[in-house]
Protein backbone atom coordinates (compact mmCIF):
# COMPACT_ATOMS: atom_id res chain seq x y z
CA MET A 1 -66.14 160.81 250.18
CA PRO A 2 -66.90 159.56 246.74
CA THR A 3 -70.43 161.03 245.56
CA ASP A 4 -72.86 159.99 242.73
CA THR A 5 -72.07 160.73 239.67
CA ASN A 6 -73.80 160.72 235.72
CA LEU A 7 -71.94 157.37 235.39
CA ASP A 8 -73.60 155.79 238.05
CA ARG A 9 -77.20 157.04 237.22
CA ALA A 10 -76.11 155.35 233.52
CA ILE A 11 -75.32 152.30 234.86
CA TYR A 12 -78.82 152.47 237.15
CA ALA A 13 -80.45 152.94 233.29
CA LYS A 14 -78.25 150.18 232.05
CA LEU A 15 -79.50 147.81 234.56
CA MET A 16 -83.04 148.39 234.22
CA GLY A 17 -82.41 146.08 231.02
CA ILE A 18 -80.16 143.79 230.86
CA PRO A 19 -81.23 140.03 230.44
CA PHE A 20 -79.99 138.60 233.79
CA PRO A 21 -81.16 139.69 236.16
CA ALA A 22 -84.18 142.13 234.98
CA TRP A 23 -84.58 144.49 237.82
CA PRO A 24 -86.35 142.91 240.71
CA ILE A 25 -89.90 143.05 241.73
CA GLY A 26 -89.86 143.25 245.24
CA ALA A 27 -86.12 143.32 246.06
CA GLY A 28 -84.52 144.20 248.86
CA ASN A 29 -81.19 146.05 249.70
CA VAL A 30 -79.13 146.40 246.66
CA PHE A 31 -75.46 146.33 247.39
CA TRP A 32 -72.22 147.49 245.14
CA VAL A 33 -68.60 145.69 245.11
CA ASP A 34 -65.97 147.09 243.28
CA SER A 35 -62.28 145.81 244.57
CA VAL A 36 -60.60 148.28 243.03
CA ASN A 37 -62.26 151.40 243.72
CA GLY A 38 -64.31 150.52 246.45
CA ASP A 39 -63.71 150.22 250.46
CA ASP A 40 -65.97 148.57 252.81
CA GLY A 41 -66.18 151.80 254.90
CA ASN A 42 -68.48 153.11 252.56
CA SER A 43 -72.42 152.43 252.73
CA GLY A 44 -72.15 150.38 249.48
CA LEU A 45 -75.60 151.51 248.01
CA THR A 46 -74.17 152.89 245.28
CA PRO A 47 -71.19 152.21 242.75
CA ALA A 48 -69.48 155.17 243.57
CA LEU A 49 -69.83 154.35 247.19
CA ALA A 50 -69.29 150.48 246.80
CA PHE A 51 -68.01 147.99 249.17
CA ALA A 52 -64.43 146.15 248.88
CA SER A 53 -65.24 142.86 249.19
CA ILE A 54 -68.38 140.21 248.37
CA ILE A 55 -67.57 138.88 252.32
CA PHE A 56 -68.52 142.39 253.69
CA ALA A 57 -71.22 142.93 251.76
CA LEU A 58 -72.86 139.53 252.61
CA THR A 59 -72.23 140.83 256.47
CA GLN A 60 -74.71 143.20 255.47
CA CYS A 61 -77.75 141.21 253.89
CA VAL A 62 -80.91 140.50 255.93
CA ASP A 63 -81.92 136.79 255.78
CA ASP A 64 -84.81 136.06 253.20
CA ASN A 65 -84.65 139.64 252.13
CA ASN A 66 -84.10 139.10 248.60
CA ASP A 67 -81.04 141.45 248.85
CA TYR A 68 -79.15 142.29 245.97
CA ILE A 69 -75.13 142.26 245.39
CA PHE A 70 -73.85 143.59 242.17
CA VAL A 71 -70.13 143.09 241.69
CA ILE A 72 -68.23 145.55 239.29
CA GLU A 73 -64.57 143.94 239.46
CA ASP A 74 -62.80 141.48 242.25
CA TRP A 75 -60.53 139.26 241.97
CA ASP A 76 -59.32 137.28 245.37
CA GLU A 77 -61.57 137.37 248.43
CA ALA A 78 -59.60 136.82 251.61
CA ALA A 79 -61.11 133.31 252.32
CA THR A 80 -64.39 131.33 250.71
CA ILE A 81 -67.60 133.72 250.22
CA THR A 82 -69.83 132.03 252.49
CA VAL A 83 -73.24 132.67 252.07
CA THR A 84 -75.68 131.56 254.83
CA SER A 85 -78.57 133.81 254.54
CA SER A 86 -81.45 132.91 252.11
CA ARG A 87 -82.52 134.73 249.14
CA VAL A 88 -79.27 136.66 248.64
CA HIS A 89 -78.42 137.13 244.76
CA ILE A 90 -74.78 137.82 244.23
CA ILE A 91 -74.48 138.79 240.47
CA GLY A 92 -71.22 139.64 238.50
CA LEU A 93 -71.78 142.91 236.25
CA SER A 94 -68.25 142.69 234.69
CA SER A 95 -69.42 143.59 231.03
CA TYR A 96 -71.88 145.89 231.99
CA PRO A 97 -70.26 149.04 234.24
CA GLN A 98 -66.96 148.25 232.04
CA LEU A 99 -68.95 148.81 228.30
CA ASN A 100 -65.53 148.69 226.55
CA SER A 101 -64.90 145.41 228.32
CA ASN A 102 -64.91 141.84 226.32
CA GLN A 103 -64.62 140.27 229.76
CA PRO A 104 -68.17 138.62 230.07
CA PHE A 105 -67.56 137.20 233.83
CA VAL A 106 -65.94 138.89 237.11
CA ALA A 107 -63.39 136.37 237.69
CA LEU A 108 -62.32 135.42 241.15
CA THR A 109 -59.36 133.40 242.28
CA ALA A 110 -58.48 131.73 245.40
CA SER A 111 -55.01 132.12 246.88
CA GLY A 112 -55.44 129.48 249.52
CA ALA A 113 -57.08 125.74 249.43
CA TYR A 114 -60.58 126.84 249.62
CA SER A 115 -63.49 127.09 247.04
CA ILE A 116 -64.52 130.69 245.56
CA PHE A 117 -67.71 130.34 246.98
CA THR A 118 -69.60 128.16 249.66
CA ILE A 119 -73.33 127.94 250.75
CA ASN A 120 -74.01 126.34 254.14
CA GLU A 121 -77.14 126.05 256.03
CA PRO A 122 -79.57 127.85 256.83
CA ALA A 123 -78.98 129.43 253.20
CA GLY A 124 -81.37 128.90 250.77
CA HIS A 125 -82.84 130.05 247.35
CA VAL A 126 -79.10 131.58 246.83
CA GLU A 127 -78.66 132.84 243.48
CA ILE A 128 -74.77 133.12 241.75
CA ALA A 129 -74.10 134.56 238.32
CA GLY A 130 -71.67 136.64 236.49
CA PHE A 131 -68.40 134.68 237.59
CA ALA A 132 -65.46 133.17 236.41
CA CYS A 133 -64.16 130.98 239.12
CA GLY A 134 -61.19 129.47 239.75
CA GLY A 135 -60.58 127.58 243.18
CA GLY A 136 -58.25 125.88 245.84
CA ALA A 137 -56.75 122.61 244.67
CA ALA A 138 -58.91 120.14 246.73
CA ALA A 139 -62.25 122.53 246.56
CA ALA A 140 -64.70 123.61 243.94
CA GLY A 141 -65.59 126.76 242.35
CA ILE A 142 -68.57 126.71 244.24
CA GLU A 143 -69.69 124.05 246.71
CA SER A 144 -72.07 122.85 249.46
CA ALA A 145 -70.21 120.44 251.02
CA ALA A 146 -70.74 120.99 254.93
CA SER A 147 -74.58 120.82 255.22
CA GLY A 148 -77.75 120.64 252.76
CA VAL A 149 -79.54 123.80 251.27
CA GLN A 150 -82.69 124.35 249.27
CA GLY A 151 -82.91 125.72 245.78
CA PRO A 152 -79.49 127.01 244.55
CA PHE A 153 -79.73 128.85 241.22
CA ILE A 154 -76.17 129.18 239.76
CA HIS A 155 -76.00 130.77 235.52
CA ASP A 156 -73.95 131.92 233.52
CA CYS A 157 -70.65 131.11 235.26
CA ALA A 158 -67.67 129.84 233.93
CA PHE A 159 -65.62 127.37 236.09
CA GLY A 160 -61.99 126.55 235.62
CA HIS A 161 -61.31 129.36 232.71
CA PHE A 162 -57.70 129.50 232.27
CA PHE A 163 -56.99 133.16 233.60
CA SER A 164 -58.96 132.61 236.83
CA GLY A 165 -56.32 131.00 238.66
CA GLY A 166 -56.22 127.88 241.06
CA THR A 167 -56.76 124.30 239.90
CA PRO A 168 -60.01 123.42 241.24
CA ARG A 169 -60.82 119.97 241.90
CA ASP A 170 -64.59 120.50 240.60
CA GLY A 171 -66.69 123.27 238.97
CA ILE A 172 -69.83 122.94 241.19
CA PHE A 173 -69.71 120.58 243.97
CA PHE A 174 -72.52 119.74 245.98
CA GLY A 175 -72.77 117.35 249.03
CA VAL A 176 -75.10 116.31 252.03
CA GLY A 177 -78.48 116.45 250.56
CA ALA A 178 -78.74 119.67 248.28
CA THR A 179 -82.34 119.86 246.83
CA ASN A 180 -84.08 121.57 244.36
CA ILE A 181 -80.64 122.80 242.59
CA ARG A 182 -81.02 124.41 239.35
CA VAL A 183 -77.50 124.71 236.98
CA GLU A 184 -77.79 126.75 233.75
CA ARG A 185 -75.83 128.18 230.51
CA CYS A 186 -72.30 127.60 232.59
CA TYR A 187 -68.93 126.73 230.75
CA PHE A 188 -66.77 124.21 232.72
CA TYR A 189 -63.18 123.89 231.49
CA GLY A 190 -61.32 121.07 231.82
CA ALA A 191 -57.47 120.52 232.31
CA PRO A 192 -55.08 120.23 229.95
CA THR A 193 -57.70 119.25 226.94
CA GLY A 194 -60.32 121.82 227.78
CA LYS A 195 -57.62 124.66 228.15
CA GLY A 196 -58.83 125.11 231.49
CA LEU A 197 -57.97 124.37 235.29
CA LEU A 198 -60.31 122.03 236.27
CA THR A 199 -59.07 118.64 237.49
CA ARG A 200 -61.52 116.43 238.26
CA ASP A 201 -65.70 116.72 237.34
CA GLY A 202 -67.86 119.60 236.02
CA LEU A 203 -70.67 119.02 238.24
CA ARG A 204 -70.12 116.51 241.12
CA TYR A 205 -73.52 115.59 243.35
CA THR A 206 -72.70 113.29 246.13
CA SER A 207 -74.62 111.53 248.93
CA ALA A 208 -77.08 112.44 251.76
CA PRO A 209 -80.82 112.07 252.56
CA ASN A 210 -82.92 114.60 251.19
CA SER A 211 -81.08 114.83 247.60
CA TYR A 212 -83.92 115.17 245.77
CA ASN A 213 -84.63 117.30 242.43
CA GLY A 214 -83.46 119.61 240.28
CA THR A 215 -82.51 120.85 236.83
CA ILE A 216 -79.00 120.61 234.88
CA ILE A 217 -79.71 122.63 231.36
CA ASP A 218 -77.69 124.03 228.47
CA ASN A 219 -74.32 123.57 230.26
CA LYS A 220 -71.13 123.37 228.00
CA LEU A 221 -68.27 120.94 229.48
CA LEU A 222 -64.95 120.85 227.87
CA GLY A 223 -62.24 118.38 228.08
CA LEU A 224 -62.49 117.36 231.98
CA PRO A 225 -60.22 114.74 233.16
CA GLY A 226 -63.35 113.11 235.22
CA ILE A 227 -66.59 113.32 234.44
CA GLY A 228 -69.18 116.20 232.63
CA ILE A 229 -72.14 115.59 235.06
CA ASN A 230 -71.18 112.89 238.05
CA ILE A 231 -74.58 112.53 239.97
CA THR A 232 -73.53 109.56 242.83
CA ALA A 233 -76.30 110.52 245.33
CA ALA A 234 -77.41 107.73 248.04
CA GLY A 235 -80.22 106.86 249.78
CA GLY A 236 -82.76 106.26 247.26
CA ASN A 237 -82.69 109.77 245.89
CA GLY A 238 -82.50 111.74 242.40
CA GLY A 239 -85.35 112.92 240.43
CA PHE A 240 -83.15 115.35 238.58
CA THR A 241 -83.66 116.76 234.63
CA ILE A 242 -80.28 116.50 233.04
CA GLN A 243 -81.07 118.48 229.67
CA ASP A 244 -79.72 119.90 226.34
CA ASN A 245 -75.87 119.94 227.98
CA VAL A 246 -72.89 119.60 225.44
CA ILE A 247 -69.94 117.37 226.65
CA GLU A 248 -66.73 117.38 224.73
CA CYS A 249 -65.35 114.55 226.80
CA GLY A 250 -61.34 114.59 228.41
CA ASP A 251 -61.00 111.09 227.31
CA ASP A 252 -62.79 107.86 225.78
CA VAL A 253 -64.05 106.47 228.75
CA GLN A 254 -67.54 104.92 229.66
CA GLY A 255 -69.78 106.81 231.36
CA SER A 256 -67.44 110.43 230.97
CA ALA A 257 -70.15 112.74 229.79
CA ILE A 258 -73.26 111.77 232.62
CA THR A 259 -72.81 108.83 235.27
CA LEU A 260 -75.43 108.15 237.57
CA GLY A 261 -74.72 106.27 240.67
CA VAL A 262 -76.45 103.09 241.92
CA THR A 263 -79.25 104.99 243.90
CA VAL A 264 -79.81 107.71 241.74
CA PHE A 265 -83.50 106.57 240.60
CA GLY A 266 -86.40 108.96 238.43
CA CYS A 267 -84.16 111.24 236.52
CA LEU A 268 -84.85 112.45 232.80
CA VAL A 269 -81.84 112.52 230.86
CA VAL A 270 -82.90 113.86 227.82
CA GLY A 271 -81.08 115.88 224.68
CA ASN A 272 -77.52 115.82 225.76
CA LYS A 273 -74.30 115.92 223.46
CA ALA A 274 -71.14 114.11 223.87
CA ILE A 275 -68.25 113.80 221.71
CA TYR A 276 -64.30 112.95 222.58
CA GLY A 277 -62.23 114.81 219.98
CA PRO A 278 -63.32 115.67 216.72
CA ALA A 279 -63.41 112.55 215.21
CA THR A 280 -66.99 110.53 216.07
CA ALA A 281 -65.73 107.37 214.92
CA ALA A 282 -62.84 107.05 217.35
CA MET A 283 -65.18 107.47 220.45
CA VAL A 284 -65.39 103.76 221.25
CA ASN A 285 -67.16 103.46 224.58
CA ASN A 286 -70.54 104.84 225.60
CA PRO A 287 -70.37 108.44 227.03
CA TYR A 288 -73.53 107.65 229.26
CA LEU A 289 -73.43 105.65 232.70
CA ASP A 290 -76.65 104.58 234.38
CA ASN A 291 -75.85 102.26 237.60
CA THR A 292 -79.08 102.37 238.97
CA VAL A 293 -79.99 98.80 240.26
CA ALA A 294 -83.60 99.27 241.26
CA ALA A 295 -86.76 100.89 240.42
CA PRO A 296 -88.20 103.64 239.82
CA TRP A 297 -85.82 103.81 236.86
CA ASN A 298 -84.05 106.67 234.90
CA ALA A 299 -85.58 108.12 231.73
CA TRP A 300 -82.71 108.10 228.98
CA VAL A 301 -84.17 109.98 225.51
CA ALA A 302 -82.40 111.27 222.48
CA ASN A 303 -79.00 111.55 224.06
CA TYR A 304 -75.79 111.63 221.58
CA LYS A 305 -72.58 110.05 221.29
CA GLY A 306 -70.89 112.07 218.51
CA ASN A 307 -73.78 112.37 215.63
CA ALA A 308 -75.83 109.13 216.90
CA LEU A 309 -78.29 108.54 219.20
CA ILE A 310 -77.13 106.11 221.98
CA ASP A 311 -78.71 104.41 225.37
CA PRO A 312 -76.62 104.38 228.19
CA ALA A 313 -74.21 101.75 229.16
């Protein structure tokens, strides 16, 4: 049976100072996953005794316990990684335990027609960070499609990276009433112009009751065949802040950067930058589209089409 080594202790020391996450005060259990050297028969409590899969590590987490899963290495889980426990944090650490690596994400692909991560009720306040996600052809890299969730936090991930495998439809897909979402500092790579694998939207948010509030901030979206940020929620919902995202549109189509649906109300869309190709003058259509038909209206301010400020179509 493996035992702790000086390398394990060095990793713990390194984790004390990494930018995300800072070592959490009040954390519950801390489990490690290493698909190369781990075993689901281990305790999972140190890198030397890591589990082999995230799916198994989640079975050891306690609901609402603020448990952490640190992933050193992984590639292809047996099925979608379904998160149903609240306050679980799943963090890829590729560039930290492997100090000579130039890959900042732990790469995950799907061998079947499923998403990499699925977040479903009763899960709430789930954090996912540090992964390059592929996915099944009819699924997203990360999705919540079967039920509504509260407070998902997705950051510092890449979606549709060319080396992740699969051809996921969207990077992130929220459906059926996800509330208080936060998506931050992620990269979305479209096929083919973004040199990636996504075949539709970067972030797609669809209809249901209670689809309220959230922040989509400081993301980069490259060459998506569909829409960069597509909020289609129905039922008089909205209240999102969409701020400081940079979108290289996959085609010169109206609304290809950000589109808001007819019943998406009360959103703040500010400081976003959209471009189609290298020549700003070649971008004919308005990359922003607001379909809202009733108050409370959405607020658009200081959004760019190429190098020029523009209001939405």
